[in-house]
Structure formats: C-alpha cells, structure tokens
Amino acid sequence: MIRLITVAAAAALVALPASAQSIRVSTAGKSVEQIRLEVLKAAKSLCARETVGASFPADEMRACVKGTVRTTLAQSSDPALQFASR
C-alpha cells in the first residue's frame, strides 16, 4: 500500500487569496526524518508561490513554511509524525 501525505500551503497565514495547490509526498519505507525533510521541501515550494508580492516576503515565507509543515505532520495518522509536528 502506498502511503501519502498531502502538503497544502497554509495560505491563511498570508494575506493572499487561498490557492488549491498541493504536493503529495510518499511516506512508504521512509523514516520520520526523511518524511519531515520532504514535507519541508514541498512546503518551501508551495509557500514561495503563495508569498509572491507579499509586503514582507521573508517573514511571510517563514511563517507559511512553519505552519504548513506543522499542520501537515499533525494531520498524519502516524503518531511519530504527529510528534514530529511539535
């Protein structure tokens, strides 16, 4: 069975319209740290798109990435990933 986590940018953290962008990250056969790093990479990609034209892009990018990673890992059914979200 292929396991996936969907990373969706936390557009609520920035003052831009929400988008329907998401990236799927496979979790099959990966450690918690590998998954966390892939989610972080996906969040950076999505948040870069979300913060284009922002008033304070570096601050908003940082907040978007942090919130997106935390929310994504917390929504996982894997207790180890939920713990990694803290």
C-alpha atoms as a PDB file:
ATOM      1  CA  MET A   1       0.000   0.000   0.000  1.00  0.00           C
ATOM      2  CA  ILE A   2       1.387   3.396  -0.956  1.00  0.00           C
ATOM      3  CA  ARG A   3       1.130   5.943   1.805  1.00  0.00           C
ATOM      4  CA  LEU A   4       0.963   9.632   1.006  1.00  0.00           C
ATOM      5  CA  ILE A   5       0.878  12.925   2.832  1.00  0.00           C
ATOM      6  CA  THR A   6      -0.582  15.898   1.051  1.00  0.00           C
ATOM      7  CA  VAL A   7       1.162  19.197   1.711  1.00  0.00           C
ATOM      8  CA  ALA A   8      -1.008  22.236   1.121  1.00  0.00           C
ATOM      9  CA  ALA A   9       0.299  25.732   1.723  1.00  0.00           C
ATOM     10  CA  ALA A  10      -1.082  27.437   4.777  1.00  0.00           C
ATOM     11  CA  ALA A  11      -2.455  30.361   2.776  1.00  0.00           C
ATOM     12  CA  ALA A  12      -4.346  31.582   5.821  1.00  0.00           C
ATOM     13  CA  LEU A  13      -1.040  32.727   7.264  1.00  0.00           C
ATOM     14  CA  VAL A  14      -0.510  35.197   4.444  1.00  0.00           C
ATOM     15  CA  ALA A  15      -2.790  37.945   3.232  1.00  0.00           C
ATOM     16  CA  LEU A  16      -3.200  36.416  -0.206  1.00  0.00           C
ATOM     17  CA  PRO A  17      -6.135  34.523  -1.682  1.00  0.00           C
ATOM     18  CA  ALA A  18      -6.045  30.821  -0.898  1.00  0.00           C
ATOM     19  CA  SER A  19      -4.942  28.572  -3.698  1.00  0.00           C
ATOM     20  CA  ALA A  20      -5.700  24.948  -4.409  1.00  0.00           C
ATOM     21  CA  GLN A  21      -2.056  23.986  -4.743  1.00  0.00           C
ATOM     22  CA  SER A  22      -0.786  20.857  -3.051  1.00  0.00           C
ATOM     23  CA  ILE A  23       2.052  18.367  -3.347  1.00  0.00           C
ATOM     24  CA  ARG A  24       1.868  14.693  -2.447  1.00  0.00           C
ATOM     25  CA  VAL A  25       4.776  13.167  -0.537  1.00  0.00           C
ATOM     26  CA  SER A  26       5.129   9.390  -0.404  1.00  0.00           C
ATOM     27  CA  THR A  27       5.792   8.025   3.087  1.00  0.00           C
ATOM     28  CA  ALA A  28       6.314   4.371   2.147  1.00  0.00           C
ATOM     29  CA  GLY A  29       9.560   2.960   3.536  1.00  0.00           C
ATOM     30  CA  LYS A  30      10.845   6.314   4.804  1.00  0.00           C
ATOM     31  CA  SER A  31      11.966   7.385   8.247  1.00  0.00           C
ATOM     32  CA  VAL A  32      10.232  10.186  10.122  1.00  0.00           C
ATOM     33  CA  GLU A  33      13.207  12.469   9.422  1.00  0.00           C
ATOM     34  CA  GLN A  34      13.121  11.709   5.673  1.00  0.00           C
ATOM     35  CA  ILE A  35       9.406  12.456   5.550  1.00  0.00           C
ATOM     36  CA  ARG A  36       9.836  15.656   7.554  1.00  0.00           C
ATOM     37  CA  LEU A  37      12.557  16.848   5.164  1.00  0.00           C
ATOM     38  CA  GLU A  38      10.434  16.077   2.096  1.00  0.00           C
ATOM     39  CA  VAL A  39       7.437  17.870   3.634  1.00  0.00           C
ATOM     40  CA  LEU A  40       9.712  20.844   4.419  1.00  0.00           C
ATOM     41  CA  LYS A  41      10.941  20.941   0.811  1.00  0.00           C
ATOM     42  CA  ALA A  42       7.374  20.749  -0.524  1.00  0.00           C
ATOM     43  CA  ALA A  43       6.222  23.466   1.899  1.00  0.00           C
ATOM     44  CA  LYS A  44       9.032  25.771   0.766  1.00  0.00           C
ATOM     45  CA  SER A  45       7.999  25.279  -2.850  1.00  0.00           C
ATOM     46  CA  LEU A  46       4.316  25.937  -2.179  1.00  0.00           C
ATOM     47  CA  CYS A  47       4.925  28.859   0.155  1.00  0.00           C
ATOM     48  CA  ALA A  48       7.287  30.500  -2.333  1.00  0.00           C
ATOM     49  CA  ARG A  49       4.339  30.649  -4.735  1.00  0.00           C
ATOM     50  CA  GLU A  50       1.988  31.891  -2.015  1.00  0.00           C
ATOM     51  CA  THR A  51       4.191  34.763  -0.858  1.00  0.00           C
ATOM     52  CA  VAL A  52       4.975  36.300  -4.246  1.00  0.00           C
ATOM     53  CA  GLY A  53       4.283  40.020  -3.995  1.00  0.00           C
ATOM     54  CA  ALA A  54       3.887  39.961  -0.211  1.00  0.00           C
ATOM     55  CA  SER A  55       4.708  43.078   1.813  1.00  0.00           C
ATOM     56  CA  PHE A  56       7.174  41.196   3.993  1.00  0.00           C
ATOM     57  CA  PRO A  57       8.046  38.137   1.895  1.00  0.00           C
ATOM     58  CA  ALA A  58      10.802  36.696   4.119  1.00  0.00           C
ATOM     59  CA  ASP A  59       8.637  36.863   7.250  1.00  0.00           C
ATOM     60  CA  GLU A  60       5.576  35.546   5.499  1.00  0.00           C
ATOM     61  CA  MET A  61       7.570  32.770   3.819  1.00  0.00           C
ATOM     62  CA  ARG A  62       8.993  31.665   7.168  1.00  0.00           C
ATOM     63  CA  ALA A  63       5.545  31.704   8.816  1.00  0.00           C
ATOM     64  CA  CYS A  64       3.949  29.864   5.884  1.00  0.00           C
ATOM     65  CA  VAL A  65       6.586  27.107   5.850  1.00  0.00           C
ATOM     66  CA  LYS A  66       6.474  26.633   9.619  1.00  0.00           C
ATOM     67  CA  GLY A  67       2.673  26.478   9.692  1.00  0.00           C
ATOM     68  CA  THR A  68       2.428  24.225   6.652  1.00  0.00           C
ATOM     69  CA  VAL A  69       4.943  21.680   7.978  1.00  0.00           C
ATOM     70  CA  ARG A  70       3.353  21.671  11.437  1.00  0.00           C
ATOM     71  CA  THR A  71      -0.181  21.272  10.070  1.00  0.00           C
ATOM     72  CA  THR A  72       0.783  18.594   7.545  1.00  0.00           C
ATOM     73  CA  LEU A  73       2.611  16.411  10.062  1.00  0.00           C
ATOM     74  CA  ALA A  74      -0.069  16.890  12.727  1.00  0.00           C
ATOM     75  CA  GLN A  75      -2.740  15.613  10.302  1.00  0.00           C
ATOM     76  CA  SER A  76      -0.878  12.346   9.739  1.00  0.00           C
ATOM     77  CA  SER A  77      -2.271   9.143  11.199  1.00  0.00           C
ATOM     78  CA  ASP A  78       1.265   8.125  12.223  1.00  0.00           C
ATOM     79  CA  PRO A  79       1.927   9.034  15.893  1.00  0.00           C
ATOM     80  CA  ALA A  80       5.644   9.540  15.209  1.00  0.00           C
ATOM     81  CA  LEU A  81       4.865  12.133  12.527  1.00  0.00           C
ATOM     82  CA  GLN A  82       2.314  13.805  14.786  1.00  0.00           C
ATOM     83  CA  PHE A  83       5.002  14.063  17.453  1.00  0.00           C
ATOM     84  CA  ALA A  84       7.473  15.493  14.908  1.00  0.00           C
ATOM     85  CA  SER A  85       4.995  18.309  14.214  1.00  0.00           C
ATOM     86  CA  ARG A  86       5.586  19.810  17.662  1.00  0.00           C
END
